[in-house]
């Protein structure tokens, strides 16, 4: 669900899309500066050939945007839970 939400969300000129290309670890190390510059534009998958491990390289802005989306989702679920828990109960007035 989070992936679907992030995939369709545009946050401060940052949109998340499926990653097109996977880069091998040796190629990533050989052209580190170039690949890090590309990771600023969109996420980059780095895979190790000998193992099944793959890693996603994100810019700090993209990572922070993902964290913000996750925090917003948690907050909205908590709000829904609190509203459901308060159904039918007398509300406390703001003024006395």
N, C-alpha and C. Protein backbone atom coordinates (compact mmCIF):
# COMPACT_ATOMS: atom_id res chain seq x y z
N UNK A 1 0.82 -1.18 0.00
CA UNK A 1 0.00 0.00 0.00
C UNK A 1 0.87 1.26 0.00
N UNK A 2 1.93 1.27 0.80
CA UNK A 2 2.81 2.43 0.85
C UNK A 2 3.45 2.66 -0.51
N UNK A 3 3.91 1.59 -1.16
CA UNK A 3 4.53 1.75 -2.48
C UNK A 3 3.54 2.37 -3.46
N UNK A 4 2.31 1.89 -3.46
CA UNK A 4 1.29 2.40 -4.36
C UNK A 4 1.04 3.89 -4.09
N UNK A 5 0.99 4.25 -2.81
CA UNK A 5 0.75 5.64 -2.44
C UNK A 5 1.92 6.53 -2.89
N UNK A 6 3.13 6.08 -2.60
CA UNK A 6 4.31 6.85 -2.97
C UNK A 6 4.46 6.92 -4.47
N UNK A 7 4.16 5.84 -5.14
CA UNK A 7 4.27 5.79 -6.60
C UNK A 7 3.38 6.84 -7.25
N UNK A 8 2.24 7.09 -6.68
CA UNK A 8 1.28 8.03 -7.26
C UNK A 8 1.34 9.42 -6.65
N UNK A 9 2.25 9.66 -5.74
CA UNK A 9 2.32 10.93 -5.04
C UNK A 9 3.48 11.77 -5.55
N UNK A 10 3.24 13.05 -5.70
CA UNK A 10 4.31 13.98 -6.06
C UNK A 10 4.53 14.88 -4.86
N UNK A 11 5.75 14.86 -4.36
CA UNK A 11 6.08 15.64 -3.17
C UNK A 11 7.23 16.58 -3.48
N UNK A 12 6.97 17.86 -3.39
CA UNK A 12 7.98 18.89 -3.61
C UNK A 12 8.86 18.59 -4.83
N UNK A 13 8.23 18.50 -5.98
CA UNK A 13 8.91 18.24 -7.25
C UNK A 13 9.60 16.88 -7.28
N UNK A 14 9.15 15.96 -6.48
CA UNK A 14 9.77 14.65 -6.41
C UNK A 14 8.71 13.60 -6.65
N UNK A 15 8.80 12.86 -7.73
CA UNK A 15 7.83 11.80 -7.97
C UNK A 15 8.58 10.48 -8.04
N UNK A 16 7.95 9.45 -7.50
CA UNK A 16 8.57 8.13 -7.47
C UNK A 16 7.99 7.28 -8.59
N UNK A 17 8.89 6.65 -9.31
CA UNK A 17 8.49 5.79 -10.41
C UNK A 17 9.26 4.48 -10.30
N UNK A 18 8.84 3.52 -11.08
CA UNK A 18 9.57 2.26 -11.09
C UNK A 18 10.99 2.50 -11.60
N UNK A 19 11.93 1.76 -11.04
CA UNK A 19 13.33 1.92 -11.42
C UNK A 19 13.56 1.15 -12.72
N UNK A 20 14.14 1.83 -13.68
CA UNK A 20 14.30 1.23 -15.01
C UNK A 20 15.50 0.30 -15.11
N UNK A 21 16.62 0.67 -14.52
CA UNK A 21 17.86 -0.04 -14.77
C UNK A 21 18.51 -0.48 -13.48
N UNK A 22 19.09 -1.67 -13.52
CA UNK A 22 19.87 -2.19 -12.41
C UNK A 22 21.34 -2.07 -12.77
N UNK A 23 22.14 -1.63 -11.83
CA UNK A 23 23.57 -1.46 -12.05
C UNK A 23 24.30 -2.50 -11.21
N UNK A 24 25.31 -3.12 -11.80
CA UNK A 24 26.12 -4.08 -11.07
C UNK A 24 27.01 -3.36 -10.07
N UNK A 25 27.39 -4.06 -9.02
CA UNK A 25 28.19 -3.46 -7.97
C UNK A 25 29.54 -2.98 -8.47
N UNK A 26 30.21 -3.76 -9.31
CA UNK A 26 31.52 -3.34 -9.83
C UNK A 26 31.40 -2.10 -10.71
N UNK A 27 30.36 -2.03 -11.53
CA UNK A 27 30.12 -0.84 -12.36
C UNK A 27 29.79 0.36 -11.48
N UNK A 28 29.01 0.13 -10.43
CA UNK A 28 28.66 1.21 -9.51
C UNK A 28 29.91 1.78 -8.85
N UNK A 29 30.80 0.91 -8.39
CA UNK A 29 32.04 1.39 -7.76
C UNK A 29 32.95 2.09 -8.75
N UNK A 30 33.01 1.60 -9.98
CA UNK A 30 33.89 2.19 -10.99
C UNK A 30 33.45 3.60 -11.37
N UNK A 31 32.16 3.83 -11.40
CA UNK A 31 31.62 5.15 -11.78
C UNK A 31 30.78 5.72 -10.66
N UNK A 32 31.33 5.75 -9.48
CA UNK A 32 30.59 6.14 -8.29
C UNK A 32 29.98 7.54 -8.41
N UNK A 33 30.78 8.51 -8.79
CA UNK A 33 30.28 9.89 -8.88
C UNK A 33 29.14 10.02 -9.89
N UNK A 34 29.28 9.36 -11.02
CA UNK A 34 28.24 9.42 -12.05
C UNK A 34 26.94 8.80 -11.56
N UNK A 35 27.05 7.63 -10.93
CA UNK A 35 25.85 6.94 -10.46
C UNK A 35 25.19 7.69 -9.30
N UNK A 36 25.98 8.31 -8.44
CA UNK A 36 25.39 9.09 -7.35
C UNK A 36 24.68 10.32 -7.89
N UNK A 37 25.22 10.91 -8.94
CA UNK A 37 24.54 12.05 -9.57
C UNK A 37 23.21 11.61 -10.18
N UNK A 38 23.19 10.42 -10.79
CA UNK A 38 21.94 9.89 -11.35
C UNK A 38 20.93 9.58 -10.25
N UNK A 39 21.43 9.14 -9.09
CA UNK A 39 20.54 8.80 -7.97
C UNK A 39 19.86 10.04 -7.41
N UNK A 40 20.41 11.21 -7.66
CA UNK A 40 19.72 12.44 -7.24
C UNK A 40 18.43 12.64 -8.02
N UNK A 41 18.43 12.21 -9.27
CA UNK A 41 17.27 12.37 -10.15
C UNK A 41 16.22 11.29 -9.90
N UNK A 42 16.65 10.04 -9.76
CA UNK A 42 15.72 8.94 -9.54
C UNK A 42 16.46 7.80 -8.83
N UNK A 43 15.74 6.96 -8.13
CA UNK A 43 16.37 5.85 -7.40
C UNK A 43 17.14 4.93 -8.34
N UNK A 44 18.17 4.32 -7.80
CA UNK A 44 19.04 3.44 -8.58
C UNK A 44 19.19 2.11 -7.84
N UNK A 45 19.02 1.01 -8.55
CA UNK A 45 19.20 -0.31 -7.94
C UNK A 45 20.60 -0.80 -8.23
N UNK A 46 21.29 -1.21 -7.18
CA UNK A 46 22.63 -1.78 -7.31
C UNK A 46 22.53 -3.23 -6.86
N UNK A 47 22.99 -4.14 -7.72
CA UNK A 47 22.90 -5.56 -7.36
C UNK A 47 24.29 -6.18 -7.34
N UNK A 48 24.48 -7.08 -6.38
CA UNK A 48 25.72 -7.84 -6.28
C UNK A 48 25.54 -9.14 -7.05
N UNK A 49 26.43 -9.43 -7.94
CA UNK A 49 26.28 -10.57 -8.83
C UNK A 49 26.34 -11.90 -8.09
N UNK A 50 27.24 -12.03 -7.14
CA UNK A 50 27.43 -13.32 -6.48
C UNK A 50 26.35 -13.64 -5.45
N UNK A 51 25.69 -12.62 -4.98
CA UNK A 51 24.63 -12.86 -4.00
C UNK A 51 23.32 -12.35 -4.57
N UNK A 52 22.27 -12.65 -3.88
CA UNK A 52 20.95 -12.23 -4.31
C UNK A 52 20.60 -10.84 -3.80
N UNK A 53 21.51 -10.20 -3.11
CA UNK A 53 21.24 -8.91 -2.51
C UNK A 53 21.19 -7.80 -3.56
N UNK A 54 20.21 -6.94 -3.41
CA UNK A 54 20.10 -5.73 -4.21
C UNK A 54 19.88 -4.57 -3.27
N UNK A 55 20.36 -3.41 -3.67
CA UNK A 55 20.26 -2.23 -2.83
C UNK A 55 19.71 -1.08 -3.65
N UNK A 56 18.97 -0.20 -3.01
CA UNK A 56 18.45 0.98 -3.68
C UNK A 56 19.19 2.19 -3.16
N UNK A 57 19.72 2.98 -4.07
CA UNK A 57 20.42 4.21 -3.72
C UNK A 57 19.45 5.36 -3.98
N UNK A 58 19.17 6.14 -2.92
CA UNK A 58 18.25 7.27 -3.00
C UNK A 58 18.97 8.55 -2.61
N UNK A 59 18.49 9.65 -3.11
CA UNK A 59 18.99 10.93 -2.62
C UNK A 59 18.41 11.15 -1.23
N UNK A 60 19.01 12.05 -0.49
CA UNK A 60 18.52 12.37 0.86
C UNK A 60 17.10 12.94 0.77
N UNK A 61 16.84 13.77 -0.23
CA UNK A 61 15.49 14.33 -0.39
C UNK A 61 14.45 13.24 -0.64
N UNK A 62 14.80 12.27 -1.47
CA UNK A 62 13.87 11.18 -1.75
C UNK A 62 13.63 10.34 -0.50
N UNK A 63 14.68 10.07 0.25
CA UNK A 63 14.53 9.30 1.49
C UNK A 63 13.65 10.05 2.49
N UNK A 64 13.92 11.34 2.67
CA UNK A 64 13.12 12.13 3.60
C UNK A 64 11.66 12.20 3.16
N UNK A 65 11.43 12.26 1.86
CA UNK A 65 10.05 12.27 1.35
C UNK A 65 9.36 10.95 1.69
N UNK A 66 10.06 9.83 1.56
CA UNK A 66 9.49 8.53 1.92
C UNK A 66 9.17 8.46 3.41
N UNK A 67 10.07 8.96 4.23
CA UNK A 67 9.84 8.96 5.68
C UNK A 67 8.62 9.83 6.00
N UNK A 68 8.51 10.98 5.37
CA UNK A 68 7.37 11.88 5.60
C UNK A 68 6.05 11.21 5.20
N UNK A 69 6.05 10.52 4.06
CA UNK A 69 4.84 9.82 3.62
C UNK A 69 4.47 8.74 4.63
N UNK A 70 5.44 8.00 5.11
CA UNK A 70 5.17 6.94 6.09
C UNK A 70 4.62 7.53 7.39
N UNK A 71 5.23 8.63 7.85
CA UNK A 71 4.74 9.27 9.07
C UNK A 71 3.31 9.78 8.88
N UNK A 72 3.01 10.34 7.72
CA UNK A 72 1.65 10.81 7.45
C UNK A 72 0.66 9.65 7.44
N UNK A 73 1.07 8.53 6.89
CA UNK A 73 0.19 7.35 6.86
C UNK A 73 -0.09 6.85 8.28
N UNK A 74 0.95 6.80 9.11
CA UNK A 74 0.77 6.36 10.49
C UNK A 74 -0.15 7.32 11.23
N UNK A 75 0.06 8.63 11.04
CA UNK A 75 -0.79 9.62 11.70
C UNK A 75 -2.24 9.51 11.25
N UNK A 76 -2.46 9.30 9.96
CA UNK A 76 -3.83 9.21 9.48
C UNK A 76 -4.52 7.95 10.00
N UNK A 77 -3.80 6.85 10.10
CA UNK A 77 -4.39 5.63 10.68
C UNK A 77 -4.74 5.83 12.15
N UNK A 78 -3.88 6.54 12.87
CA UNK A 78 -4.16 6.82 14.27
C UNK A 78 -5.38 7.73 14.40
N UNK A 79 -5.52 8.72 13.53
CA UNK A 79 -6.68 9.60 13.55
C UNK A 79 -7.96 8.81 13.28
N UNK A 80 -7.93 7.92 12.31
CA UNK A 80 -9.10 7.09 12.01
C UNK A 80 -9.45 6.22 13.21
N UNK A 81 -8.45 5.65 13.86
CA UNK A 81 -8.69 4.82 15.04
C UNK A 81 -9.33 5.64 16.16
N UNK A 82 -8.82 6.85 16.39
CA UNK A 82 -9.36 7.69 17.45
C UNK A 82 -10.79 8.15 17.15
N UNK A 83 -11.08 8.45 15.89
CA UNK A 83 -12.44 8.84 15.51
C UNK A 83 -13.40 7.68 15.73
N UNK A 84 -12.99 6.48 15.33
CA UNK A 84 -13.85 5.30 15.54
C UNK A 84 -14.06 5.03 17.02
N UNK A 85 -13.02 5.22 17.83
CA UNK A 85 -13.13 4.98 19.26
C UNK A 85 -14.03 6.01 19.94
N UNK A 86 -14.17 7.19 19.34
CA UNK A 86 -14.97 8.26 19.93
C UNK A 86 -16.40 8.29 19.42
N UNK A 87 -16.79 7.39 18.54
CA UNK A 87 -18.16 7.36 17.99
C UNK A 87 -19.17 7.24 19.10
N UNK A 88 -20.17 8.13 19.07
CA UNK A 88 -21.26 8.06 20.02
C UNK A 88 -20.95 8.65 21.38
N UNK A 89 -19.72 9.02 21.63
CA UNK A 89 -19.37 9.59 22.93
C UNK A 89 -19.61 11.09 22.89
N UNK A 90 -19.90 11.62 24.05
CA UNK A 90 -20.12 13.05 24.18
C UNK A 90 -18.79 13.78 23.97
N UNK A 91 -18.84 14.82 23.17
CA UNK A 91 -17.63 15.58 22.90
C UNK A 91 -17.44 16.63 23.98
N UNK A 92 -16.19 16.92 24.26
CA UNK A 92 -15.86 17.94 25.23
C UNK A 92 -15.87 19.29 24.52
N UNK A 93 -16.64 20.28 25.01
CA UNK A 93 -16.69 21.59 24.34
C UNK A 93 -15.37 22.33 24.49
N UNK A 94 -15.05 23.16 23.52
CA UNK A 94 -13.83 23.95 23.56
C UNK A 94 -13.91 25.02 24.64
N UNK A 95 -15.10 25.61 24.80
CA UNK A 95 -15.27 26.66 25.81
C UNK A 95 -16.20 26.16 26.89
N UNK A 96 -16.02 26.67 28.07
CA UNK A 96 -16.89 26.29 29.19
C UNK A 96 -18.06 27.17 29.30
